[in-house]
N, C-alpha and C. Protein backbone atom coordinates (compact mmCIF):
# COMPACT_ATOMS: atom_id res chain seq x y z
N UNK A 1 34.58 85.63 102.06
CA UNK A 1 35.62 85.22 103.19
C UNK A 1 36.14 84.00 102.35
N UNK A 2 37.62 84.01 103.08
CA UNK A 2 38.35 82.95 102.49
C UNK A 2 38.18 81.32 102.98
N UNK A 3 36.92 81.49 103.62
CA UNK A 3 36.40 80.02 104.09
C UNK A 3 37.13 79.49 105.64
N UNK A 4 38.26 79.84 105.77
CA UNK A 4 38.87 79.16 106.83
C UNK A 4 38.83 80.45 108.00
N UNK A 5 38.52 79.64 109.17
CA UNK A 5 38.62 80.91 110.13
C UNK A 5 39.76 81.54 110.46
N UNK A 6 39.93 82.57 111.00
CA UNK A 6 41.01 83.49 111.41
C UNK A 6 40.91 83.91 112.92
N UNK A 7 42.56 83.87 113.41
CA UNK A 7 42.23 84.51 115.14
C UNK A 7 41.80 86.00 115.20
N UNK A 8 40.55 85.91 116.21
CA UNK A 8 39.87 86.91 116.27
C UNK A 8 38.18 86.75 115.53
N UNK A 9 38.25 86.17 115.00
CA UNK A 9 36.61 85.66 114.41
C UNK A 9 35.76 85.38 115.43
N UNK A 10 34.72 86.04 115.38
CA UNK A 10 33.61 85.49 116.58
C UNK A 10 33.15 83.68 115.96
N UNK A 11 32.89 83.25 116.57
CA UNK A 11 32.42 81.98 116.44
C UNK A 11 31.29 81.46 117.43
N UNK A 12 30.42 80.69 116.89
CA UNK A 12 29.50 79.92 117.40
C UNK A 12 29.48 78.40 117.62
N UNK A 13 29.62 77.75 118.44
CA UNK A 13 29.21 75.98 118.60
C UNK A 13 27.69 76.08 118.95
N UNK A 14 26.87 75.17 118.43
CA UNK A 14 25.52 74.91 118.85
C UNK A 14 25.56 73.90 119.74
N UNK A 15 24.62 73.35 120.42
CA UNK A 15 24.38 72.57 121.53
C UNK A 15 24.32 71.10 120.85
N UNK A 16 25.49 70.16 120.48
CA UNK A 16 24.76 68.79 120.07
C UNK A 16 23.76 67.73 120.46
N UNK A 17 23.42 67.76 121.90
CA UNK A 17 22.57 67.14 122.49
C UNK A 17 20.73 68.05 122.48
N UNK A 18 20.16 67.17 122.79
CA UNK A 18 18.65 67.99 122.63
C UNK A 18 18.36 68.86 123.95
N UNK A 19 18.49 70.04 123.98
CA UNK A 19 18.24 71.02 125.15
C UNK A 19 20.08 71.48 125.72
N UNK A 20 20.47 71.09 124.74
CA UNK A 20 22.30 71.78 124.76
C UNK A 20 22.34 73.14 124.51
N UNK A 21 23.34 73.96 125.66
CA UNK A 21 23.13 75.52 124.93
C UNK A 21 23.96 75.68 123.92
N UNK A 22 24.08 76.96 123.24
CA UNK A 22 24.56 77.54 122.35
C UNK A 22 25.75 78.59 122.92
N UNK A 23 27.30 78.41 122.58
CA UNK A 23 28.13 79.20 122.89
C UNK A 23 28.71 79.94 122.00
N UNK A 24 28.69 81.15 122.35
CA UNK A 24 29.66 82.36 121.38
C UNK A 24 30.84 82.77 122.23
N UNK A 25 31.58 82.80 120.96
CA UNK A 25 33.28 83.66 121.49
C UNK A 25 34.02 83.96 120.29
N UNK A 26 35.33 84.13 121.16
CA UNK A 26 36.03 84.80 119.66
C UNK A 26 37.51 84.09 119.77
N UNK A 27 37.94 83.76 118.76
CA UNK A 27 39.09 82.71 118.32
C UNK A 27 40.50 83.71 118.71
N UNK A 28 40.90 82.62 119.57
CA UNK A 28 42.54 83.31 120.03
C UNK A 28 43.15 82.91 119.52
N UNK A 29 43.60 81.29 119.22
CA UNK A 29 44.57 81.12 118.23
C UNK A 29 44.15 79.89 117.76
N UNK A 30 44.66 79.37 116.64
CA UNK A 30 44.34 78.43 115.99
C UNK A 30 46.24 77.21 115.70
N UNK A 31 46.07 76.45 115.69
CA UNK A 31 47.47 75.55 116.11
C UNK A 31 46.86 73.79 115.45
N UNK A 32 47.02 74.09 114.12
CA UNK A 32 46.71 72.85 113.41
C UNK A 32 44.93 72.83 113.47
N UNK A 33 44.45 71.64 113.78
CA UNK A 33 43.03 71.37 113.91
C UNK A 33 42.93 72.37 115.59
N UNK A 34 43.54 72.42 115.94
CA UNK A 34 43.12 72.37 117.57
C UNK A 34 42.54 74.53 117.52
N UNK A 35 41.95 74.97 118.47
CA UNK A 35 41.40 76.49 118.23
C UNK A 35 40.97 76.57 119.73
N UNK A 36 41.70 77.88 119.83
CA UNK A 36 41.23 78.16 121.65
C UNK A 36 40.48 79.53 121.28
N UNK A 37 39.09 79.26 122.00
CA UNK A 37 38.20 80.40 122.20
C UNK A 37 37.98 80.74 123.13
N UNK A 38 38.06 82.05 123.30
CA UNK A 38 37.65 82.74 124.70
C UNK A 38 36.20 83.33 124.59
N UNK A 39 35.10 82.34 125.26
CA UNK A 39 33.88 82.55 125.63
C UNK A 39 33.37 83.79 126.02
N UNK A 40 31.97 84.04 125.62
CA UNK A 40 31.43 85.27 126.16
C UNK A 40 31.78 85.75 128.00
N UNK A 41 31.50 84.69 128.60
CA UNK A 41 31.49 84.29 129.89
C UNK A 41 33.01 84.78 130.73
N UNK A 42 34.32 84.70 129.47
CA UNK A 42 35.48 85.05 130.32
C UNK A 42 36.22 84.13 130.23
N UNK A 43 35.45 82.49 129.92
CA UNK A 43 36.51 81.55 130.38
C UNK A 43 36.95 81.50 128.66
N UNK A 44 38.22 80.33 128.69
CA UNK A 44 38.62 79.98 127.33
C UNK A 44 38.77 78.37 127.36
N UNK A 45 38.73 77.94 126.37
CA UNK A 45 38.74 76.63 126.02
C UNK A 45 39.73 76.00 124.80
N UNK A 46 40.28 74.62 125.03
CA UNK A 46 40.86 74.53 123.75
C UNK A 46 39.97 72.95 122.95
N UNK A 47 39.45 73.38 122.01
CA UNK A 47 39.34 72.33 121.04
C UNK A 47 39.38 72.07 119.60
N UNK A 48 39.16 70.80 119.49
CA UNK A 48 39.10 70.50 117.93
C UNK A 48 37.91 69.93 117.50
N UNK A 49 37.45 71.27 116.69
CA UNK A 49 36.02 70.87 116.45
C UNK A 49 35.88 70.08 115.54
N UNK A 50 34.78 69.47 115.28
CA UNK A 50 34.47 68.08 114.37
C UNK A 50 33.76 69.04 113.11
N UNK A 51 33.52 68.30 112.19
CA UNK A 51 33.07 68.95 111.31
C UNK A 51 31.32 69.57 111.36
N UNK A 52 31.13 70.85 110.74
CA UNK A 52 30.12 71.38 110.87
C UNK A 52 29.66 72.12 112.54
N UNK A 53 30.42 71.88 113.42
CA UNK A 53 30.42 72.05 114.88
C UNK A 53 31.06 73.51 114.97
N UNK A 54 31.67 74.72 114.63
CA UNK A 54 31.83 75.57 114.42
C UNK A 54 31.60 76.57 113.63
N UNK A 55 30.91 77.59 114.09
CA UNK A 55 30.21 78.61 112.61
C UNK A 55 30.99 79.78 112.90
N UNK A 56 31.60 80.30 111.86
CA UNK A 56 31.97 81.65 111.74
C UNK A 56 30.86 82.59 111.72
N UNK A 57 30.92 83.68 112.66
CA UNK A 57 29.43 84.91 112.68
C UNK A 57 29.84 86.13 111.94
N UNK A 58 30.95 86.42 112.12
CA UNK A 58 31.85 87.41 111.95
C UNK A 58 33.51 87.51 112.06
N UNK A 59 33.99 88.34 111.05
CA UNK A 59 35.52 88.10 110.56
C UNK A 59 36.18 88.87 111.64
N UNK A 60 37.48 89.13 112.09
CA UNK A 60 38.12 90.06 112.70
C UNK A 60 38.42 91.20 112.25
N UNK A 61 38.62 92.58 112.92
CA UNK A 61 38.38 93.98 112.56
C UNK A 61 39.52 93.60 111.08
N UNK A 62 38.99 94.44 109.83
CA UNK A 62 40.26 94.87 109.29
C UNK A 62 40.74 96.21 109.60
N UNK A 63 42.32 95.82 109.58
CA UNK A 63 43.26 97.10 109.75
C UNK A 63 42.94 98.51 109.24
N UNK A 64 42.76 98.47 107.81
CA UNK A 64 42.93 99.18 107.06
C UNK A 64 41.17 100.24 107.32
N UNK A 65 40.08 99.17 107.53
CA UNK A 65 39.01 99.94 107.42
C UNK A 65 38.62 100.18 108.65
N UNK A 66 38.71 99.37 109.81
CA UNK A 66 38.52 99.33 111.01
C UNK A 66 36.87 99.04 111.38
N UNK A 67 36.45 98.10 110.56
CA UNK A 67 35.12 97.83 110.61
C UNK A 67 34.89 96.11 110.37
N UNK A 68 34.09 95.36 111.21
CA UNK A 68 33.98 94.35 111.08
C UNK A 68 33.64 93.56 109.86
N UNK A 69 33.59 92.90 109.00
CA UNK A 69 33.31 92.13 107.73
C UNK A 69 32.12 90.74 108.23
N UNK A 70 31.11 90.69 107.64
CA UNK A 70 30.34 89.38 108.25
C UNK A 70 31.00 88.16 107.16
N UNK A 71 30.62 87.09 108.19
CA UNK A 71 30.87 85.86 107.60
C UNK A 71 30.49 85.41 106.19
N UNK A 72 29.29 85.94 106.08
CA UNK A 72 28.40 85.71 104.62
C UNK A 72 28.78 86.81 103.48
N UNK A 73 30.38 86.75 102.97
CA UNK A 73 30.62 87.58 102.04
C UNK A 73 29.70 87.58 100.43
N UNK A 74 29.26 88.42 100.00
CA UNK A 74 28.71 88.17 98.75
C UNK A 74 29.36 88.04 97.65
N UNK A 75 28.86 86.67 96.87
CA UNK A 75 30.06 86.07 95.83
C UNK A 75 29.82 86.54 94.78
N UNK A 76 30.79 86.73 94.10
CA UNK A 76 30.55 87.45 92.56
C UNK A 76 30.13 86.46 91.39
N UNK A 77 29.04 86.62 90.67
CA UNK A 77 28.65 85.70 89.75
C UNK A 77 29.27 85.08 88.86
N UNK A 78 29.39 84.03 88.41
CA UNK A 78 30.08 83.64 87.35
C UNK A 78 29.75 83.62 86.15
N UNK A 79 30.95 84.38 85.37
CA UNK A 79 30.68 85.15 84.07
C UNK A 79 30.91 83.96 83.15
N UNK A 80 29.92 83.42 81.99
CA UNK A 80 30.20 82.40 80.94
C UNK A 80 30.45 83.41 79.51
N UNK A 81 31.42 82.58 79.25
CA UNK A 81 31.95 83.25 77.78
C UNK A 81 30.69 83.30 76.75
N UNK A 82 30.52 84.51 75.93
CA UNK A 82 29.64 84.44 74.90
C UNK A 82 30.04 83.32 73.89
N UNK A 83 28.85 82.86 73.64
CA UNK A 83 28.76 81.69 72.33
C UNK A 83 29.33 82.42 71.16
N UNK A 84 30.42 81.45 70.45
CA UNK A 84 30.72 81.87 68.99
C UNK A 84 29.56 81.84 68.09
N UNK A 85 29.71 83.17 67.37
CA UNK A 85 28.54 83.37 66.46
C UNK A 85 28.83 82.21 65.54
N UNK A 86 27.80 82.08 64.39
CA UNK A 86 27.48 81.11 63.40
C UNK A 86 28.45 81.00 62.14
N UNK A 87 29.13 81.94 62.10
CA UNK A 87 30.33 81.76 61.26
C UNK A 87 31.52 81.45 61.35
N UNK A 88 31.66 81.43 62.86
CA UNK A 88 33.11 81.05 63.69
C UNK A 88 32.96 79.56 63.68
N UNK A 89 31.77 79.01 64.14
CA UNK A 89 30.86 77.82 63.95
C UNK A 89 31.42 77.10 63.15
N UNK A 90 31.12 77.56 62.04
CA UNK A 90 31.34 76.87 60.47
C UNK A 90 32.91 76.82 59.93
N UNK A 91 33.34 78.15 60.38
CA UNK A 91 34.96 77.53 60.19
C UNK A 91 35.24 77.09 61.12
N UNK A 92 35.17 76.74 62.38
CA UNK A 92 35.99 75.86 63.05
C UNK A 92 35.54 74.52 62.65
N UNK A 93 34.14 73.74 62.01
CA UNK A 93 33.79 72.94 61.82
C UNK A 93 34.89 72.47 60.55
N UNK A 94 34.88 73.57 59.63
CA UNK A 94 35.38 73.09 58.31
C UNK A 94 37.03 73.11 58.72
N UNK A 95 37.66 73.26 59.72
CA UNK A 95 39.08 73.14 60.34
C UNK A 95 39.61 71.70 60.64
N UNK A 96 38.26 71.47 61.38
CA UNK A 96 38.49 70.05 61.98
C UNK A 96 38.06 68.94 60.68
N UNK A 97 37.46 69.21 59.75
CA UNK A 97 37.14 68.01 58.77
C UNK A 97 38.14 67.76 57.45
N UNK A 98 39.13 68.89 57.72
CA UNK A 98 40.70 68.99 57.07
C UNK A 98 41.68 67.50 57.53
């Protein structure tokens, strides 16, 4: 996932107080920091979420595949460059001495 939420994504806001309720909904619009969310009960709110307040649980449906993508996309491992052979190391060292 790109890291930024998009219109149509499913989001969760956890309660910030003890006993606070969890709210789930769909992003209707994003305008700068403000987001408009349609909650599962049908109401909607305009919010400016603080850091860590909003969690994306599913991204919007892709028009090509027609299936929902999950927010936790697999990340490809970083490939390391192979170490140079010993003969190459000696050649590089001798060039540096010149």
